[in-house]
Amino acid sequence: MKRGLSAGIGIICAAILLSGCQTEKKQFMTDSTGTKVIQIGHVNSSKEDDQYQVLALYFGEELRKVSGGKFTVDILTDSILGGERDMIEGMKMGTVDAALITNFSFGTFVPEFQTFDLPYLFTEREEAYRILDDEAVMEIPKKKLYENCFIKFLAWGEGGFRSVMNNAKAIETVDDFKGLKIRLPETSIYLDAFKAFGSNPTTMAFSETYTAVQQRTVDGLELPISSFYSMGYGEVCSCLSLTEHFYSPAAIAVSRQTWESLSDEEKVWFQTAAIEAGKRQREFVKDIEEQFIENMKEMGVNVNSVSDKTGFIQASEPVYQAYRDIIGAAYVDMVFQKLGR
């Protein structure tokens, strides 16, 4: 990522501020019973065991419960509202009510979020939860997201640790990455990490990736286990290597226009529902991942663990050094201090 990106983003967000697009109160849609309807989008499938769909379903259940049936959630899946950046822009403009957003997408707009995408930052889920649920850690990125980009962060859900599926070979050491053409989302920290690993990363829209893998346009891709399974990659990839190179949290977020159209009581309902949904969904993902791995083995996928990640971690050092300044040294150092490193 170029160092001038933050300034450019500031100009974009300032332009949005001047446009006055967030000044009007939102008129909520209602169903036939008069219940207010909130639409929430995500890029994954509508399968009931997809981790993003589960998070959205849990949010809907919790919001209906805590509001006494005054709100319901309409879930729009499979990138119907566009990719994550499209939904971020929609929330900025107030045309998208709410969305589930992977951390790396927020990192494009608020540098501090990129901290959580540093390779091998977290070694286990509980460590990630402790940091991500720490209000002192989240205060700055949440404030910037709200004030500069008109998005209200509500709570974290679980994407899971990201690993690699491909059709070339099992990845057991960092040297196995050399020459592999791996699809990545268009985020600089991911690209720089995979270049450091020695692969040949390429970006493309998530909606185009399945066909690209199937047709061998790319050798493979990286995703959380639940996404691999729910999106059917076990049918088009021969190898799954549990590299666990990034931990991938997913946020429940609403547009500032939606948020500021709520009463104080309704804001409590939304916040409470999101936190409870995130807690429930984290447990779901932990419980289901092992079953998904076994299911993919039965489909014929070769699955290997990576017991020694030392080489991957050492290869990541230049990424840490570069992004410490891009993100902000004081913020990165604060997170590392809380991690005890």
C-alpha atoms as a PDB file:
ATOM      1  CA  MET A   1       0.000   0.000   0.000  1.00  0.00           C
ATOM      2  CA  LYS A   2       1.332   3.435  -0.876  1.00  0.00           C
ATOM      3  CA  ARG A   3       2.010   5.833   1.971  1.00  0.00           C
ATOM      4  CA  GLY A   4      -0.196   8.428   0.333  1.00  0.00           C
ATOM      5  CA  LEU A   5      -3.266   6.201   0.522  1.00  0.00           C
ATOM      6  CA  SER A   6      -4.399   7.537   3.898  1.00  0.00           C
ATOM      7  CA  ALA A   7      -4.383  11.088   2.547  1.00  0.00           C
ATOM      8  CA  GLY A   8      -6.322  10.008  -0.519  1.00  0.00           C
ATOM      9  CA  ILE A   9      -8.886   8.228   1.600  1.00  0.00           C
ATOM     10  CA  GLY A  10      -9.217  11.340   3.740  1.00  0.00           C
ATOM     11  CA  ILE A  11     -10.027  13.382   0.642  1.00  0.00           C
ATOM     12  CA  ILE A  12     -12.613  10.833  -0.488  1.00  0.00           C
ATOM     13  CA  CYS A  13     -14.267  10.734   2.921  1.00  0.00           C
ATOM     14  CA  ALA A  14     -14.199  14.524   3.155  1.00  0.00           C
ATOM     15  CA  ALA A  15     -15.950  14.726  -0.184  1.00  0.00           C
ATOM     16  CA  ILE A  16     -18.621  12.421   1.125  1.00  0.00           C
ATOM     17  CA  LEU A  17     -18.979  14.648   4.194  1.00  0.00           C
ATOM     18  CA  LEU A  18     -19.462  17.704   2.020  1.00  0.00           C
ATOM     19  CA  SER A  19     -22.036  15.934  -0.095  1.00  0.00           C
ATOM     20  CA  GLY A  20     -24.448  15.867   2.836  1.00  0.00           C
ATOM     21  CA  CYS A  21     -25.424  12.287   2.024  1.00  0.00           C
ATOM     22  CA  GLN A  22     -25.708  11.384   5.707  1.00  0.00           C
ATOM     23  CA  THR A  23     -27.847  14.276   6.904  1.00  0.00           C
ATOM     24  CA  GLU A  24     -31.286  12.810   6.288  1.00  0.00           C
ATOM     25  CA  LYS A  25     -32.965  10.328   8.601  1.00  0.00           C
ATOM     26  CA  LYS A  26     -33.501   6.923   7.117  1.00  0.00           C
ATOM     27  CA  GLN A  27     -37.034   5.772   6.374  1.00  0.00           C
ATOM     28  CA  PHE A  28     -37.074   2.104   7.330  1.00  0.00           C
ATOM     29  CA  MET A  29     -38.836  -0.434   5.165  1.00  0.00           C
ATOM     30  CA  THR A  30     -41.618  -2.339   6.901  1.00  0.00           C
ATOM     31  CA  ASP A  31     -43.189  -5.716   6.226  1.00  0.00           C
ATOM     32  CA  SER A  32     -46.902  -6.501   6.124  1.00  0.00           C
ATOM     33  CA  THR A  33     -47.068  -6.563   9.941  1.00  0.00           C
ATOM     34  CA  GLY A  34     -45.436  -3.166  10.328  1.00  0.00           C
ATOM     35  CA  THR A  35     -42.133  -4.644  11.515  1.00  0.00           C
ATOM     36  CA  LYS A  36     -39.104  -2.572  10.517  1.00  0.00           C
ATOM     37  CA  VAL A  37     -36.814  -4.378   8.054  1.00  0.00           C
ATOM     38  CA  ILE A  38     -33.035  -4.065   7.984  1.00  0.00           C
ATOM     39  CA  GLN A  39     -31.232  -5.464   4.954  1.00  0.00           C
ATOM     40  CA  ILE A  40     -27.797  -6.950   5.573  1.00  0.00           C
ATOM     41  CA  GLY A  41     -25.495  -8.135   2.814  1.00  0.00           C
ATOM     42  CA  HIS A  42     -22.510 -10.457   2.584  1.00  0.00           C
ATOM     43  CA  VAL A  43     -20.424 -12.048  -0.186  1.00  0.00           C
ATOM     44  CA  ASN A  44     -20.757 -15.701   0.823  1.00  0.00           C
ATOM     45  CA  SER A  45     -23.404 -18.276   0.014  1.00  0.00           C
ATOM     46  CA  SER A  46     -26.861 -18.677   1.512  1.00  0.00           C
ATOM     47  CA  LYS A  47     -26.087 -22.166   2.828  1.00  0.00           C
ATOM     48  CA  GLU A  48     -27.113 -22.462   6.454  1.00  0.00           C
ATOM     49  CA  ASP A  49     -23.684 -23.784   7.459  1.00  0.00           C
ATOM     50  CA  ASP A  50     -21.755 -20.914   5.824  1.00  0.00           C
ATOM     51  CA  GLN A  51     -20.112 -18.905   8.598  1.00  0.00           C
ATOM     52  CA  TYR A  52     -21.181 -15.513   7.219  1.00  0.00           C
ATOM     53  CA  GLN A  53     -24.732 -16.671   6.658  1.00  0.00           C
ATOM     54  CA  VAL A  54     -24.799 -18.061  10.203  1.00  0.00           C
ATOM     55  CA  LEU A  55     -23.591 -14.724  11.559  1.00  0.00           C
ATOM     56  CA  ALA A  56     -26.317 -12.873   9.650  1.00  0.00           C
ATOM     57  CA  LEU A  57     -28.990 -15.365  10.762  1.00  0.00           C
ATOM     58  CA  TYR A  58     -27.909 -15.091  14.407  1.00  0.00           C
ATOM     59  CA  PHE A  59     -27.957 -11.289  14.186  1.00  0.00           C
ATOM     60  CA  GLY A  60     -31.508 -11.441  12.832  1.00  0.00           C
ATOM     61  CA  GLU A  61     -32.595 -13.833  15.576  1.00  0.00           C
ATOM     62  CA  GLU A  62     -31.042 -11.745  18.327  1.00  0.00           C
ATOM     63  CA  LEU A  63     -32.389  -8.442  16.987  1.00  0.00           C
ATOM     64  CA  ARG A  64     -35.905  -9.807  16.686  1.00  0.00           C
ATOM     65  CA  LYS A  65     -35.682 -11.184  20.223  1.00  0.00           C
ATOM     66  CA  VAL A  66     -34.227  -8.140  21.942  1.00  0.00           C
ATOM     67  CA  SER A  67     -36.526  -5.726  20.085  1.00  0.00           C
ATOM     68  CA  GLY A  68     -39.615  -7.742  20.909  1.00  0.00           C
ATOM     69  CA  GLY A  69     -40.288  -8.315  17.212  1.00  0.00           C
ATOM     70  CA  LYS A  70     -40.072  -4.643  16.228  1.00  0.00           C
ATOM     71  CA  PHE A  71     -37.147  -5.322  13.837  1.00  0.00           C
ATOM     72  CA  THR A  72     -36.431  -8.110  11.380  1.00  0.00           C
ATOM     73  CA  VAL A  73     -33.385  -8.730   9.180  1.00  0.00           C
ATOM     74  CA  ASP A  74     -33.486  -9.458   5.449  1.00  0.00           C
ATOM     75  CA  ILE A  75     -30.258 -11.209   4.381  1.00  0.00           C
ATOM     76  CA  LEU A  76     -28.840 -10.596   0.887  1.00  0.00           C
ATOM     77  CA  THR A  77     -26.182 -13.207   0.062  1.00  0.00           C
ATOM     78  CA  ASP A  78     -23.812 -14.125  -2.791  1.00  0.00           C
ATOM     79  CA  SER A  79     -22.583 -10.568  -3.420  1.00  0.00           C
ATOM     80  CA  ILE A  80     -26.069  -9.376  -4.425  1.00  0.00           C
ATOM     81  CA  LEU A  81     -25.103  -5.951  -3.081  1.00  0.00           C
ATOM     82  CA  GLY A  82     -21.660  -6.225  -4.687  1.00  0.00           C
ATOM     83  CA  GLY A  83     -18.295  -7.057  -3.191  1.00  0.00           C
ATOM     84  CA  GLU A  84     -17.263  -5.896   0.246  1.00  0.00           C
ATOM     85  CA  ARG A  85     -15.842  -2.625  -1.026  1.00  0.00           C
ATOM     86  CA  ASP A  86     -19.103  -1.984  -2.853  1.00  0.00           C
ATOM     87  CA  MET A  87     -21.027  -2.558   0.373  1.00  0.00           C
ATOM     88  CA  ILE A  88     -18.661  -0.272   2.281  1.00  0.00           C
ATOM     89  CA  GLU A  89     -19.306   2.458  -0.283  1.00  0.00           C
ATOM     90  CA  GLY A  90     -23.033   1.745  -0.016  1.00  0.00           C
ATOM     91  CA  MET A  91     -22.953   2.121   3.756  1.00  0.00           C
ATOM     92  CA  LYS A  92     -20.990   5.365   3.371  1.00  0.00           C
ATOM     93  CA  MET A  93     -23.704   6.731   1.100  1.00  0.00           C
ATOM     94  CA  GLY A  94     -26.563   5.326   3.161  1.00  0.00           C
ATOM     95  CA  THR A  95     -27.833   3.106   0.323  1.00  0.00           C
ATOM     96  CA  VAL A  96     -26.848  -0.106   2.144  1.00  0.00           C
ATOM     97  CA  ASP A  97     -28.319  -0.640   5.624  1.00  0.00           C
ATOM     98  CA  ALA A  98     -25.819  -3.119   6.979  1.00  0.00           C
ATOM     99  CA  ALA A  99     -23.192  -5.648   5.913  1.00  0.00           C
ATOM    100  CA  LEU A 100     -20.795  -8.308   7.097  1.00  0.00           C
ATOM    101  CA  ILE A 101     -17.314  -7.085   6.249  1.00  0.00           C
ATOM    102  CA  THR A 102     -14.042  -9.016   6.448  1.00  0.00           C
ATOM    103  CA  ASN A 103     -11.369  -7.124   8.347  1.00  0.00           C
ATOM    104  CA  PHE A 104      -9.060  -6.674   5.340  1.00  0.00           C
ATOM    105  CA  SER A 105     -11.743  -4.648   3.534  1.00  0.00           C
ATOM    106  CA  PHE A 106     -11.908  -2.123   6.375  1.00  0.00           C
ATOM    107  CA  GLY A 107      -8.108  -1.992   6.399  1.00  0.00           C
ATOM    108  CA  THR A 108      -8.183  -0.341   2.987  1.00  0.00           C
ATOM    109  CA  PHE A 109     -10.025   2.636   4.509  1.00  0.00           C
ATOM    110  CA  VAL A 110      -8.734   2.717   8.101  1.00  0.00           C
ATOM    111  CA  PRO A 111      -5.072   1.667   8.399  1.00  0.00           C
ATOM    112  CA  GLU A 112      -5.334   0.454  11.994  1.00  0.00           C
ATOM    113  CA  PHE A 113      -7.550  -2.433  10.896  1.00  0.00           C
ATOM    114  CA  GLN A 114      -4.588  -3.768   8.887  1.00  0.00           C
ATOM    115  CA  THR A 115      -2.876  -4.665  12.159  1.00  0.00           C
ATOM    116  CA  PHE A 116      -5.185  -7.668  12.526  1.00  0.00           C
ATOM    117  CA  ASP A 117      -4.194  -8.924   9.053  1.00  0.00           C
ATOM    118  CA  LEU A 118      -0.484  -9.172   9.791  1.00  0.00           C
ATOM    119  CA  PRO A 119       0.571 -12.754   8.989  1.00  0.00           C
ATOM    120  CA  TYR A 120       0.782 -15.030  12.012  1.00  0.00           C
ATOM    121  CA  LEU A 121      -0.215 -12.201  14.367  1.00  0.00           C
ATOM    122  CA  PHE A 122      -2.478 -14.612  16.249  1.00  0.00           C
ATOM    123  CA  THR A 123      -1.590 -18.204  17.035  1.00  0.00           C
ATOM    124  CA  GLU A 124      -4.950 -19.277  18.466  1.00  0.00           C
ATOM    125  CA  ARG A 125      -8.541 -18.080  18.517  1.00  0.00           C
ATOM    126  CA  GLU A 126      -8.651 -17.135  22.190  1.00  0.00           C
ATOM    127  CA  GLU A 127      -5.696 -14.818  21.668  1.00  0.00           C
ATOM    128  CA  ALA A 128      -7.506 -13.138  18.781  1.00  0.00           C
ATOM    129  CA  TYR A 129     -10.708 -12.776  20.803  1.00  0.00           C
ATOM    130  CA  ARG A 130      -8.837 -11.172  23.707  1.00  0.00           C
ATOM    131  CA  ILE A 131      -7.306  -8.507  21.478  1.00  0.00           C
ATOM    132  CA  LEU A 132     -10.288  -7.863  19.205  1.00  0.00           C
ATOM    133  CA  ASP A 133     -12.715  -7.577  22.118  1.00  0.00           C
ATOM    134  CA  ASP A 134     -10.454  -5.113  23.955  1.00  0.00           C
ATOM    135  CA  GLU A 135     -12.129  -1.714  23.759  1.00  0.00           C
ATOM    136  CA  ALA A 136      -8.783   0.070  24.137  1.00  0.00           C
ATOM    137  CA  VAL A 137      -7.572  -1.726  20.988  1.00  0.00           C
ATOM    138  CA  MET A 138     -10.729  -1.049  19.002  1.00  0.00           C
ATOM    139  CA  GLU A 139     -11.401   2.547  20.064  1.00  0.00           C
ATOM    140  CA  ILE A 140      -9.276   4.241  17.392  1.00  0.00           C
ATOM    141  CA  PRO A 141     -10.284   2.172  14.320  1.00  0.00           C
ATOM    142  CA  LYS A 142     -13.969   2.219  15.279  1.00  0.00           C
ATOM    143  CA  LYS A 143     -13.917   5.990  15.749  1.00  0.00           C
ATOM    144  CA  LYS A 144     -12.180   6.590  12.406  1.00  0.00           C
ATOM    145  CA  LEU A 145     -14.585   4.264  10.615  1.00  0.00           C
ATOM    146  CA  TYR A 146     -17.559   6.152  12.023  1.00  0.00           C
ATOM    147  CA  GLU A 147     -16.332   9.721  11.706  1.00  0.00           C
ATOM    148  CA  ASN A 148     -14.496   9.488   8.391  1.00  0.00           C
ATOM    149  CA  CYS A 149     -16.338   6.765   6.501  1.00  0.00           C
ATOM    150  CA  PHE A 150     -19.855   6.862   8.004  1.00  0.00           C
ATOM    151  CA  ILE A 151     -19.920   3.246   9.157  1.00  0.00           C
ATOM    152  CA  LYS A 152     -20.857   2.090  12.647  1.00  0.00           C
ATOM    153  CA  PHE A 153     -18.916  -0.978  13.757  1.00  0.00           C
ATOM    154  CA  LEU A 154     -21.103  -3.165  15.988  1.00  0.00           C
ATOM    155  CA  ALA A 155     -19.273  -6.405  16.781  1.00  0.00           C
ATOM    156  CA  TRP A 156     -16.850  -9.041  15.547  1.00  0.00           C
ATOM    157  CA  GLY A 157     -17.845 -12.410  14.250  1.00  0.00           C
ATOM    158  CA  GLU A 158     -15.597 -15.218  13.110  1.00  0.00           C
ATOM    159  CA  GLY A 159     -14.101 -15.822   9.698  1.00  0.00           C
ATOM    160  CA  GLY A 160     -11.504 -18.208  11.032  1.00  0.00           C
ATOM    161  CA  PHE A 161      -7.876 -18.887  10.264  1.00  0.00           C
ATOM    162  CA  ARG A 162      -7.149 -18.766   6.547  1.00  0.00           C
ATOM    163  CA  SER A 163      -5.371 -21.630   4.787  1.00  0.00           C
ATOM    164  CA  VAL A 164      -4.573 -22.609   1.197  1.00  0.00           C
ATOM    165  CA  MET A 165      -6.250 -24.911  -1.320  1.00  0.00           C
ATOM    166  CA  ASN A 166      -4.622 -25.611  -4.664  1.00  0.00           C
ATOM    167  CA  ASN A 167      -4.276 -28.133  -7.473  1.00  0.00           C
ATOM    168  CA  ALA A 168      -0.471 -28.303  -7.631  1.00  0.00           C
ATOM    169  CA  LYS A 169       0.943 -29.717  -4.396  1.00  0.00           C
ATOM    170  CA  ALA A 170       0.687 -29.865  -0.633  1.00  0.00           C
ATOM    171  CA  ILE A 171       2.293 -26.894   1.106  1.00  0.00           C
ATOM    172  CA  GLU A 172       4.386 -28.048   4.060  1.00  0.00           C
ATOM    173  CA  THR A 173       7.154 -25.429   4.123  1.00  0.00           C
ATOM    174  CA  VAL A 174       7.368 -21.862   2.878  1.00  0.00           C
ATOM    175  CA  ASP A 175       9.513 -23.060  -0.028  1.00  0.00           C
ATOM    176  CA  ASP A 176       6.502 -24.970  -1.381  1.00  0.00           C
ATOM    177  CA  PHE A 177       4.854 -21.653  -2.221  1.00  0.00           C
ATOM    178  CA  LYS A 178       7.458 -20.798  -4.861  1.00  0.00           C
ATOM    179  CA  GLY A 179       5.874 -20.192  -8.252  1.00  0.00           C
ATOM    180  CA  LEU A 180       2.304 -20.990  -7.187  1.00  0.00           C
ATOM    181  CA  LYS A 181      -0.305 -18.659  -8.688  1.00  0.00           C
ATOM    182  CA  ILE A 182      -2.592 -17.977  -5.728  1.00  0.00           C
ATOM    183  CA  ARG A 183      -5.738 -15.871  -5.943  1.00  0.00           C
ATOM    184  CA  LEU A 184      -5.983 -13.206  -3.253  1.00  0.00           C
ATOM    185  CA  PRO A 185      -8.432 -10.430  -2.460  1.00  0.00           C
ATOM    186  CA  GLU A 186      -7.274  -7.009  -3.569  1.00  0.00           C
ATOM    187  CA  THR A 187      -5.606  -5.948  -0.357  1.00  0.00           C
ATOM    188  CA  SER A 188      -1.974  -4.921  -0.226  1.00  0.00           C
ATOM    189  CA  ILE A 189      -0.995  -6.604   3.034  1.00  0.00           C
ATOM    190  CA  TYR A 190      -2.199 -10.003   1.761  1.00  0.00           C
ATOM    191  CA  LEU A 191      -0.356  -9.514  -1.532  1.00  0.00           C
ATOM    192  CA  ASP A 192       2.860  -8.487   0.195  1.00  0.00           C
ATOM    193  CA  ALA A 193       2.680 -11.438   2.577  1.00  0.00           C
ATOM    194  CA  PHE A 194       2.244 -13.943  -0.243  1.00  0.00           C
ATOM    195  CA  LYS A 195       5.058 -12.349  -2.230  1.00  0.00           C
ATOM    196  CA  ALA A 196       7.216 -12.726   0.876  1.00  0.00           C
ATOM    197  CA  PHE A 197       6.245 -16.416   0.988  1.00  0.00           C
ATOM    198  CA  GLY A 198       7.539 -16.737  -2.590  1.00  0.00           C
ATOM    199  CA  SER A 199       4.238 -17.297  -4.397  1.00  0.00           C
ATOM    200  CA  ASN A 200       2.909 -15.528  -7.474  1.00  0.00           C
ATOM    201  CA  PRO A 201      -0.220 -13.850  -6.094  1.00  0.00           C
ATOM    202  CA  THR A 202      -2.944 -12.516  -8.333  1.00  0.00           C
ATOM    203  CA  THR A 203      -6.086 -10.579  -7.457  1.00  0.00           C
ATOM    204  CA  MET A 204      -9.560 -11.166  -8.817  1.00  0.00           C
ATOM    205  CA  ALA A 205     -13.143 -10.719  -7.707  1.00  0.00           C
ATOM    206  CA  PHE A 206     -14.371 -13.397  -5.331  1.00  0.00           C
ATOM    207  CA  SER A 207     -17.336 -14.053  -7.623  1.00  0.00           C
ATOM    208  CA  GLU A 208     -14.931 -15.007 -10.438  1.00  0.00           C
ATOM    209  CA  THR A 209     -12.571 -17.166  -8.390  1.00  0.00           C
ATOM    210  CA  TYR A 210     -14.372 -20.518  -8.418  1.00  0.00           C
ATOM    211  CA  THR A 211     -14.353 -20.658 -12.216  1.00  0.00           C
ATOM    212  CA  ALA A 212     -10.706 -19.546 -12.317  1.00  0.00           C
ATOM    213  CA  VAL A 213      -9.705 -22.380  -9.963  1.00  0.00           C
ATOM    214  CA  GLN A 214     -11.872 -24.891 -11.811  1.00  0.00           C
ATOM    215  CA  GLN A 215     -10.341 -23.945 -15.166  1.00  0.00           C
ATOM    216  CA  ARG A 216      -6.791 -23.840 -13.699  1.00  0.00           C
ATOM    217  CA  THR A 217      -6.387 -20.157 -14.529  1.00  0.00           C
ATOM    218  CA  VAL A 218      -4.917 -19.982 -11.027  1.00  0.00           C
ATOM    219  CA  ASP A 219      -3.338 -22.805  -9.031  1.00  0.00           C
ATOM    220  CA  GLY A 220      -5.394 -22.109  -5.946  1.00  0.00           C
ATOM    221  CA  LEU A 221      -6.587 -19.643  -3.346  1.00  0.00           C
ATOM    222  CA  GLU A 222      -6.648 -18.929   0.369  1.00  0.00           C
ATOM    223  CA  LEU A 223      -9.776 -18.750   2.548  1.00  0.00           C
ATOM    224  CA  PRO A 224     -11.070 -19.838   5.950  1.00  0.00           C
ATOM    225  CA  ILE A 225     -12.063 -23.512   6.184  1.00  0.00           C
ATOM    226  CA  SER A 226     -15.783 -22.763   6.377  1.00  0.00           C
ATOM    227  CA  SER A 227     -15.648 -20.709   3.184  1.00  0.00           C
ATOM    228  CA  PHE A 228     -13.747 -23.420   1.332  1.00  0.00           C
ATOM    229  CA  TYR A 229     -16.422 -25.917   2.238  1.00  0.00           C
ATOM    230  CA  SER A 230     -19.566 -23.834   1.827  1.00  0.00           C
ATOM    231  CA  MET A 231     -18.399 -22.433  -1.528  1.00  0.00           C
ATOM    232  CA  GLY A 232     -17.666 -25.928  -2.876  1.00  0.00           C
ATOM    233  CA  TYR A 233     -13.896 -25.710  -3.326  1.00  0.00           C
ATOM    234  CA  GLY A 234     -13.539 -29.315  -2.212  1.00  0.00           C
ATOM    235  CA  GLU A 235     -14.972 -30.219  -5.610  1.00  0.00           C
ATOM    236  CA  VAL A 236     -12.349 -28.340  -7.652  1.00  0.00           C
ATOM    237  CA  CYS A 237      -9.168 -28.441  -5.515  1.00  0.00           C
ATOM    238  CA  SER A 238      -7.020 -31.469  -4.745  1.00  0.00           C
ATOM    239  CA  CYS A 239      -4.970 -30.163  -1.787  1.00  0.00           C
ATOM    240  CA  LEU A 240      -5.812 -28.327   1.436  1.00  0.00           C
ATOM    241  CA  SER A 241      -2.809 -27.167   3.473  1.00  0.00           C
ATOM    242  CA  LEU A 242      -3.547 -25.790   6.942  1.00  0.00           C
ATOM    243  CA  THR A 243      -1.088 -22.911   6.794  1.00  0.00           C
ATOM    244  CA  GLU A 244      -3.298 -20.684   9.000  1.00  0.00           C
ATOM    245  CA  HIS A 245      -1.384 -17.641   7.787  1.00  0.00           C
ATOM    246  CA  PHE A 246      -4.000 -15.003   8.671  1.00  0.00           C
ATOM    247  CA  TYR A 247      -6.766 -14.890  11.261  1.00  0.00           C
ATOM    248  CA  SER A 248      -9.831 -13.417   9.583  1.00  0.00           C
ATOM    249  CA  PRO A 249     -12.420 -11.672  11.764  1.00  0.00           C
ATOM    250  CA  ALA A 250     -15.667 -10.478  10.192  1.00  0.00           C
ATOM    251  CA  ALA A 251     -17.544  -7.410  11.383  1.00  0.00           C
ATOM    252  CA  ILE A 252     -21.239  -6.695  11.696  1.00  0.00           C
ATOM    253  CA  ALA A 253     -21.560  -3.063  10.615  1.00  0.00           C
ATOM    254  CA  VAL A 254     -24.360  -0.626   9.798  1.00  0.00           C
ATOM    255  CA  SER A 255     -24.378   2.644   7.929  1.00  0.00           C
ATOM    256  CA  ARG A 256     -24.125   5.798   9.993  1.00  0.00           C
ATOM    257  CA  GLN A 257     -27.405   6.949   8.446  1.00  0.00           C
ATOM    258  CA  THR A 258     -29.119   3.795   9.688  1.00  0.00           C
ATOM    259  CA  TRP A 259     -27.509   4.119  13.118  1.00  0.00           C
ATOM    260  CA  GLU A 260     -28.424   7.763  13.606  1.00  0.00           C
ATOM    261  CA  SER A 261     -32.008   7.044  12.588  1.00  0.00           C
ATOM    262  CA  LEU A 262     -32.400   4.738  15.595  1.00  0.00           C
ATOM    263  CA  SER A 263     -33.623   5.822  18.995  1.00  0.00           C
ATOM    264  CA  ASP A 264     -31.298   5.339  21.972  1.00  0.00           C
ATOM    265  CA  GLU A 265     -33.226   2.226  22.944  1.00  0.00           C
ATOM    266  CA  GLU A 266     -33.025   0.828  19.412  1.00  0.00           C
ATOM    267  CA  LYS A 267     -29.273   1.441  19.339  1.00  0.00           C
ATOM    268  CA  VAL A 268     -28.930  -0.714  22.445  1.00  0.00           C
ATOM    269  CA  TRP A 269     -30.947  -3.446  20.714  1.00  0.00           C
ATOM    270  CA  PHE A 270     -28.666  -3.408  17.664  1.00  0.00           C
ATOM    271  CA  GLN A 271     -25.475  -3.386  19.694  1.00  0.00           C
ATOM    272  CA  THR A 272     -26.668  -6.155  22.004  1.00  0.00           C
ATOM    273  CA  ALA A 273     -27.885  -8.294  19.110  1.00  0.00           C
ATOM    274  CA  ALA A 274     -24.585  -7.951  17.246  1.00  0.00           C
ATOM    275  CA  ILE A 275     -22.452  -8.858  20.267  1.00  0.00           C
ATOM    276  CA  GLU A 276     -24.565 -11.917  21.079  1.00  0.00           C
ATOM    277  CA  ALA A 277     -24.632 -13.005  17.428  1.00  0.00           C
ATOM    278  CA  GLY A 278     -20.847 -12.737  17.252  1.00  0.00           C
ATOM    279  CA  LYS A 279     -20.388 -14.857  20.379  1.00  0.00           C
ATOM    280  CA  ARG A 280     -22.749 -17.545  19.104  1.00  0.00           C
ATOM    281  CA  GLN A 281     -21.215 -17.608  15.648  1.00  0.00           C
ATOM    282  CA  ARG A 282     -17.665 -17.937  16.998  1.00  0.00           C
ATOM    283  CA  GLU A 283     -18.715 -21.105  18.811  1.00  0.00           C
ATOM    284  CA  PHE A 284     -20.427 -22.411  15.691  1.00  0.00           C
ATOM    285  CA  VAL A 285     -17.318 -21.941  13.549  1.00  0.00           C
ATOM    286  CA  LYS A 286     -15.033 -23.609  16.088  1.00  0.00           C
ATOM    287  CA  ASP A 287     -17.361 -26.602  16.315  1.00  0.00           C
ATOM    288  CA  ILE A 288     -17.995 -27.038  12.591  1.00  0.00           C
ATOM    289  CA  GLU A 289     -14.525 -26.625  11.069  1.00  0.00           C
ATOM    290  CA  GLU A 290     -13.258 -30.093  11.972  1.00  0.00           C
ATOM    291  CA  GLN A 291     -16.365 -31.624  10.418  1.00  0.00           C
ATOM    292  CA  PHE A 292     -15.827 -29.610   7.233  1.00  0.00           C
ATOM    293  CA  ILE A 293     -12.229 -30.847   7.003  1.00  0.00           C
ATOM    294  CA  GLU A 294     -13.362 -34.449   7.404  1.00  0.00           C
ATOM    295  CA  ASN A 295     -16.042 -33.934   4.766  1.00  0.00           C
ATOM    296  CA  MET A 296     -13.466 -32.615   2.306  1.00  0.00           C
ATOM    297  CA  LYS A 297     -11.195 -35.586   3.006  1.00  0.00           C
ATOM    298  CA  GLU A 298     -14.095 -37.860   2.103  1.00  0.00           C
ATOM    299  CA  MET A 299     -14.452 -35.918  -1.151  1.00  0.00           C
ATOM    300  CA  GLY A 300     -10.875 -36.880  -2.003  1.00  0.00           C
ATOM    301  CA  VAL A 301      -9.062 -33.714  -0.915  1.00  0.00           C
ATOM    302  CA  ASN A 302      -5.531 -34.293   0.427  1.00  0.00           C
ATOM    303  CA  VAL A 303      -5.360 -32.420   3.749  1.00  0.00           C
ATOM    304  CA  ASN A 304      -2.085 -31.688   5.523  1.00  0.00           C
ATOM    305  CA  SER A 305      -1.265 -29.801   8.697  1.00  0.00           C
ATOM    306  CA  VAL A 306       1.719 -27.472   8.948  1.00  0.00           C
ATOM    307  CA  SER A 307       3.219 -28.294  12.318  1.00  0.00           C
ATOM    308  CA  ASP A 308       6.273 -26.034  12.046  1.00  0.00           C
ATOM    309  CA  LYS A 309       5.407 -22.531  10.871  1.00  0.00           C
ATOM    310  CA  THR A 310       8.818 -21.053  11.696  1.00  0.00           C
ATOM    311  CA  GLY A 311       9.790 -20.545   8.056  1.00  0.00           C
ATOM    312  CA  PHE A 312       6.520 -18.781   7.267  1.00  0.00           C
ATOM    313  CA  ILE A 313       6.898 -16.503  10.278  1.00  0.00           C
ATOM    314  CA  GLN A 314      10.494 -15.633   9.387  1.00  0.00           C
ATOM    315  CA  ALA A 315       9.466 -14.868   5.796  1.00  0.00           C
ATOM    316  CA  SER A 316       6.812 -12.491   7.183  1.00  0.00           C
ATOM    317  CA  GLU A 317       9.295 -10.220   8.974  1.00  0.00           C
ATOM    318  CA  PRO A 318       9.652  -7.718   6.093  1.00  0.00           C
ATOM    319  CA  VAL A 319       5.866  -7.345   6.026  1.00  0.00           C
ATOM    320  CA  TYR A 320       5.824  -6.448   9.723  1.00  0.00           C
ATOM    321  CA  GLN A 321       8.611  -3.919   9.257  1.00  0.00           C
ATOM    322  CA  ALA A 322       6.914  -2.255   6.273  1.00  0.00           C
ATOM    323  CA  TYR A 323       3.417  -2.085   7.727  1.00  0.00           C
ATOM    324  CA  ARG A 324       4.451  -0.895  11.169  1.00  0.00           C
ATOM    325  CA  ASP A 325       4.965   2.549   9.654  1.00  0.00           C
ATOM    326  CA  ILE A 326       2.051   2.354   7.223  1.00  0.00           C
ATOM    327  CA  ILE A 327      -0.397   1.462   9.995  1.00  0.00           C
ATOM    328  CA  GLY A 328       1.198   3.608  12.665  1.00  0.00           C
ATOM    329  CA  ALA A 329       4.027   2.433  14.885  1.00  0.00           C
ATOM    330  CA  ALA A 330       2.371   3.489  18.141  1.00  0.00           C
ATOM    331  CA  TYR A 331      -0.786   1.498  17.409  1.00  0.00           C
ATOM    332  CA  VAL A 332       1.038  -1.631  16.247  1.00  0.00           C
ATOM    333  CA  ASP A 333       3.330  -1.493  19.278  1.00  0.00           C
ATOM    334  CA  MET A 334       0.323  -1.174  21.597  1.00  0.00           C
ATOM    335  CA  VAL A 335      -1.248  -4.312  20.123  1.00  0.00           C
ATOM    336  CA  PHE A 336       2.016  -6.233  20.391  1.00  0.00           C
ATOM    337  CA  GLN A 337       2.409  -5.107  23.992  1.00  0.00           C
ATOM    338  CA  LYS A 338      -1.046  -6.460  24.766  1.00  0.00           C
ATOM    339  CA  LEU A 339      -0.012  -9.719  23.089  1.00  0.00           C
ATOM    340  CA  GLY A 340       3.011  -9.854  25.380  1.00  0.00           C
ATOM    341  CA  ARG A 341       5.567  -9.674  22.556  1.00  0.00           C
END
